[in-house]
């Protein structure tokens, strides 16, 4: 059960970032304008997209999972405060606490690692064959 839980958790966490990055590419101008309206320079959109797509894929595949999870956790925490922290708005506070929860899940993943079913758990053996660690 543990191996399946790690894989499922990675897929569920990673897909959210992967899809968010893809959606930002599809609505680049609108996303950039929204970021700017919240005081975030629009030129940061490309690094955000790269982080979300690459980080999401890394988490899903279990490659450099600890680093990808920490990067996404930091990003998610910053985004929570910039875009969702508004105690007067119940919906924004729900989104804020959702981001805090996602950050917590990513920190747990960074601490625990990717699990057995991951690229992090593979290494190249003496004869060039990929072997489980």
C-alpha atoms as a PDB file:
ATOM      1  CA  UNK A   1       0.000   0.000   0.000  1.00  0.00           C
ATOM      2  CA  UNK A   2       2.866   2.399   0.810  1.00  0.00           C
ATOM      3  CA  UNK A   3       4.321   2.293  -2.730  1.00  0.00           C
ATOM      4  CA  UNK A   4       0.937   2.991  -4.288  1.00  0.00           C
ATOM      5  CA  UNK A   5       0.281   5.803  -1.833  1.00  0.00           C
ATOM      6  CA  UNK A   6       3.554   7.546  -2.718  1.00  0.00           C
ATOM      7  CA  UNK A   7       2.881   7.226  -6.445  1.00  0.00           C
ATOM      8  CA  UNK A   8      -0.740   8.362  -6.147  1.00  0.00           C
ATOM      9  CA  UNK A   9       0.227  11.298  -3.947  1.00  0.00           C
ATOM     10  CA  UNK A  10       2.939  12.382  -6.388  1.00  0.00           C
ATOM     11  CA  UNK A  11       0.546  12.176  -9.333  1.00  0.00           C
ATOM     12  CA  UNK A  12      -2.180  14.146  -7.544  1.00  0.00           C
ATOM     13  CA  UNK A  13       0.207  16.857  -6.352  1.00  0.00           C
ATOM     14  CA  UNK A  14       2.208  17.088  -9.576  1.00  0.00           C
ATOM     15  CA  UNK A  15      -0.707  17.128 -12.007  1.00  0.00           C
ATOM     16  CA  UNK A  16      -2.091  20.273 -10.425  1.00  0.00           C
ATOM     17  CA  UNK A  17       1.112  22.186 -11.186  1.00  0.00           C
ATOM     18  CA  UNK A  18       1.540  20.644 -14.642  1.00  0.00           C
ATOM     19  CA  UNK A  19      -2.003  21.589 -15.670  1.00  0.00           C
ATOM     20  CA  UNK A  20      -1.699  25.063 -14.122  1.00  0.00           C
ATOM     21  CA  UNK A  21       1.466  25.718 -16.143  1.00  0.00           C
ATOM     22  CA  UNK A  22      -0.155  24.495 -19.361  1.00  0.00           C
ATOM     23  CA  UNK A  23      -3.227  26.646 -18.693  1.00  0.00           C
ATOM     24  CA  UNK A  24      -1.024  29.689 -18.107  1.00  0.00           C
ATOM     25  CA  UNK A  25       0.596  29.103 -21.515  1.00  0.00           C
ATOM     26  CA  UNK A  26      -2.824  28.899 -23.149  1.00  0.00           C
ATOM     27  CA  UNK A  27      -3.975  32.147 -21.517  1.00  0.00           C
ATOM     28  CA  UNK A  28      -0.627  33.918 -21.401  1.00  0.00           C
ATOM     29  CA  UNK A  29      -1.859  37.500 -21.868  1.00  0.00           C
ATOM     30  CA  UNK A  30      -4.704  37.215 -19.393  1.00  0.00           C
ATOM     31  CA  UNK A  31      -2.516  35.530 -16.790  1.00  0.00           C
ATOM     32  CA  UNK A  32       0.181  38.168 -17.213  1.00  0.00           C
ATOM     33  CA  UNK A  33      -2.386  40.952 -16.791  1.00  0.00           C
ATOM     34  CA  UNK A  34      -3.794  39.292 -13.658  1.00  0.00           C
ATOM     35  CA  UNK A  35      -0.333  38.941 -12.154  1.00  0.00           C
ATOM     36  CA  UNK A  36       0.386  42.612 -12.840  1.00  0.00           C
ATOM     37  CA  UNK A  37      -2.952  43.640 -11.302  1.00  0.00           C
ATOM     38  CA  UNK A  38      -1.798  41.884  -8.103  1.00  0.00           C
ATOM     39  CA  UNK A  39       1.538  43.733  -8.116  1.00  0.00           C
ATOM     40  CA  UNK A  40       3.624  40.879  -9.568  1.00  0.00           C
ATOM     41  CA  UNK A  41       5.808  41.754 -12.570  1.00  0.00           C
ATOM     42  CA  UNK A  42       4.438  40.110 -15.720  1.00  0.00           C
ATOM     43  CA  UNK A  43       7.940  39.131 -16.785  1.00  0.00           C
ATOM     44  CA  UNK A  44       7.858  36.481 -14.034  1.00  0.00           C
ATOM     45  CA  UNK A  45       5.203  34.508 -15.902  1.00  0.00           C
ATOM     46  CA  UNK A  46       7.700  32.514 -17.991  1.00  0.00           C
ATOM     47  CA  UNK A  47       9.713  31.355 -14.931  1.00  0.00           C
ATOM     48  CA  UNK A  48       6.423  30.509 -13.193  1.00  0.00           C
ATOM     49  CA  UNK A  49       5.307  28.397 -16.156  1.00  0.00           C
ATOM     50  CA  UNK A  50       8.677  26.641 -16.285  1.00  0.00           C
ATOM     51  CA  UNK A  51       8.564  25.908 -12.550  1.00  0.00           C
ATOM     52  CA  UNK A  52       5.024  24.591 -12.667  1.00  0.00           C
ATOM     53  CA  UNK A  53       5.509  22.395 -15.739  1.00  0.00           C
ATOM     54  CA  UNK A  54       8.998  21.104 -14.900  1.00  0.00           C
ATOM     55  CA  UNK A  55       8.291  20.808 -11.178  1.00  0.00           C
ATOM     56  CA  UNK A  56       4.972  19.092 -11.759  1.00  0.00           C
ATOM     57  CA  UNK A  57       6.541  16.575 -14.139  1.00  0.00           C
ATOM     58  CA  UNK A  58       9.464  15.984 -11.763  1.00  0.00           C
ATOM     59  CA  UNK A  59       7.094  15.232  -8.879  1.00  0.00           C
ATOM     60  CA  UNK A  60       4.917  12.948 -11.015  1.00  0.00           C
ATOM     61  CA  UNK A  61       7.918  11.003 -12.311  1.00  0.00           C
ATOM     62  CA  UNK A  62       9.671  11.030  -8.959  1.00  0.00           C
ATOM     63  CA  UNK A  63      12.804  12.690 -10.341  1.00  0.00           C
ATOM     64  CA  UNK A  64      14.709  15.069  -8.040  1.00  0.00           C
ATOM     65  CA  UNK A  65      11.541  14.892  -5.968  1.00  0.00           C
ATOM     66  CA  UNK A  66      12.868  16.459  -2.794  1.00  0.00           C
ATOM     67  CA  UNK A  67      14.182  19.562  -4.606  1.00  0.00           C
ATOM     68  CA  UNK A  68      11.153  19.868  -6.894  1.00  0.00           C
ATOM     69  CA  UNK A  69       8.805  19.548  -3.924  1.00  0.00           C
ATOM     70  CA  UNK A  70      10.664  22.211  -1.950  1.00  0.00           C
ATOM     71  CA  UNK A  71      10.661  24.592  -4.935  1.00  0.00           C
ATOM     72  CA  UNK A  72       6.939  24.060  -5.503  1.00  0.00           C
ATOM     73  CA  UNK A  73       6.240  24.395  -1.767  1.00  0.00           C
ATOM     74  CA  UNK A  74       7.998  27.762  -1.640  1.00  0.00           C
ATOM     75  CA  UNK A  75       6.213  28.915  -4.784  1.00  0.00           C
ATOM     76  CA  UNK A  76       2.821  27.796  -3.436  1.00  0.00           C
ATOM     77  CA  UNK A  77       3.349  29.532  -0.115  1.00  0.00           C
ATOM     78  CA  UNK A  78       4.348  32.790  -1.803  1.00  0.00           C
ATOM     79  CA  UNK A  79       1.375  32.541  -4.196  1.00  0.00           C
ATOM     80  CA  UNK A  80      -0.958  31.948  -1.241  1.00  0.00           C
ATOM     81  CA  UNK A  81       0.030  35.220   0.394  1.00  0.00           C
ATOM     82  CA  UNK A  82       0.141  37.278  -2.814  1.00  0.00           C
ATOM     83  CA  UNK A  83      -3.029  36.055  -4.495  1.00  0.00           C
ATOM     84  CA  UNK A  84      -5.289  34.634  -1.770  1.00  0.00           C
ATOM     85  CA  UNK A  85      -4.657  36.174   1.638  1.00  0.00           C
ATOM     86  CA  UNK A  86      -7.722  38.334   2.220  1.00  0.00           C
ATOM     87  CA  UNK A  87      -9.342  37.740   5.619  1.00  0.00           C
ATOM     88  CA  UNK A  88     -12.403  39.748   4.535  1.00  0.00           C
ATOM     89  CA  UNK A  89     -13.112  37.359   1.637  1.00  0.00           C
ATOM     90  CA  UNK A  90     -14.178  33.862   2.681  1.00  0.00           C
ATOM     91  CA  UNK A  91     -13.537  32.325  -0.761  1.00  0.00           C
ATOM     92  CA  UNK A  92     -10.011  33.739  -0.927  1.00  0.00           C
ATOM     93  CA  UNK A  93      -9.309  32.429   2.567  1.00  0.00           C
ATOM     94  CA  UNK A  94     -10.473  28.963   1.500  1.00  0.00           C
ATOM     95  CA  UNK A  95      -8.034  29.160  -1.424  1.00  0.00           C
ATOM     96  CA  UNK A  96      -5.359  30.449   0.962  1.00  0.00           C
ATOM     97  CA  UNK A  97      -5.768  27.500   3.340  1.00  0.00           C
ATOM     98  CA  UNK A  98      -5.870  25.119   0.341  1.00  0.00           C
ATOM     99  CA  UNK A  99      -2.478  26.460  -0.716  1.00  0.00           C
ATOM    100  CA  UNK A 100      -1.179  26.016   2.833  1.00  0.00           C
ATOM    101  CA  UNK A 101      -2.360  22.398   2.757  1.00  0.00           C
ATOM    102  CA  UNK A 102      -0.697  21.776  -0.609  1.00  0.00           C
ATOM    103  CA  UNK A 103       2.492  23.311   0.780  1.00  0.00           C
ATOM    104  CA  UNK A 104       2.287  20.891   3.699  1.00  0.00           C
ATOM    105  CA  UNK A 105       1.892  17.930   1.355  1.00  0.00           C
ATOM    106  CA  UNK A 106       4.881  19.046  -0.686  1.00  0.00           C
ATOM    107  CA  UNK A 107       6.999  19.450   2.444  1.00  0.00           C
ATOM    108  CA  UNK A 108       6.024  15.929   3.534  1.00  0.00           C
ATOM    109  CA  UNK A 109       7.009  14.633   0.093  1.00  0.00           C
ATOM    110  CA  UNK A 110      10.333  16.469   0.318  1.00  0.00           C
ATOM    111  CA  UNK A 111      11.001  14.873   3.685  1.00  0.00           C
ATOM    112  CA  UNK A 112       9.866  11.363   2.824  1.00  0.00           C
ATOM    113  CA  UNK A 113      11.183  11.186  -0.729  1.00  0.00           C
ATOM    114  CA  UNK A 114       9.495   9.834  -3.838  1.00  0.00           C
ATOM    115  CA  UNK A 115       9.135   6.213  -2.796  1.00  0.00           C
ATOM    116  CA  UNK A 116      10.064   2.997  -4.559  1.00  0.00           C
ATOM    117  CA  UNK A 117       8.149   3.617  -7.789  1.00  0.00           C
ATOM    118  CA  UNK A 118      10.122   6.656  -8.904  1.00  0.00           C
ATOM    119  CA  UNK A 119      13.064   7.734 -10.990  1.00  0.00           C
ATOM    120  CA  UNK A 120      14.784   8.804  -7.770  1.00  0.00           C
ATOM    121  CA  UNK A 121      14.820   5.148  -6.791  1.00  0.00           C
ATOM    122  CA  UNK A 122      16.714   4.080  -9.912  1.00  0.00           C
ATOM    123  CA  UNK A 123      20.414   4.163 -10.600  1.00  0.00           C
ATOM    124  CA  UNK A 124      22.687   2.964 -13.361  1.00  0.00           C
ATOM    125  CA  UNK A 125      24.404  -0.320 -12.469  1.00  0.00           C
ATOM    126  CA  UNK A 126      27.923  -1.453 -13.310  1.00  0.00           C
ATOM    127  CA  UNK A 127      26.961  -2.699 -16.772  1.00  0.00           C
ATOM    128  CA  UNK A 128      24.939   0.345 -17.758  1.00  0.00           C
ATOM    129  CA  UNK A 129      21.688  -1.322 -16.760  1.00  0.00           C
ATOM    130  CA  UNK A 130      19.186   0.554 -14.654  1.00  0.00           C
ATOM    131  CA  UNK A 131      18.881  -1.129 -11.289  1.00  0.00           C
ATOM    132  CA  UNK A 132      16.618  -0.453  -8.361  1.00  0.00           C
ATOM    133  CA  UNK A 133      18.285   1.053  -5.293  1.00  0.00           C
END
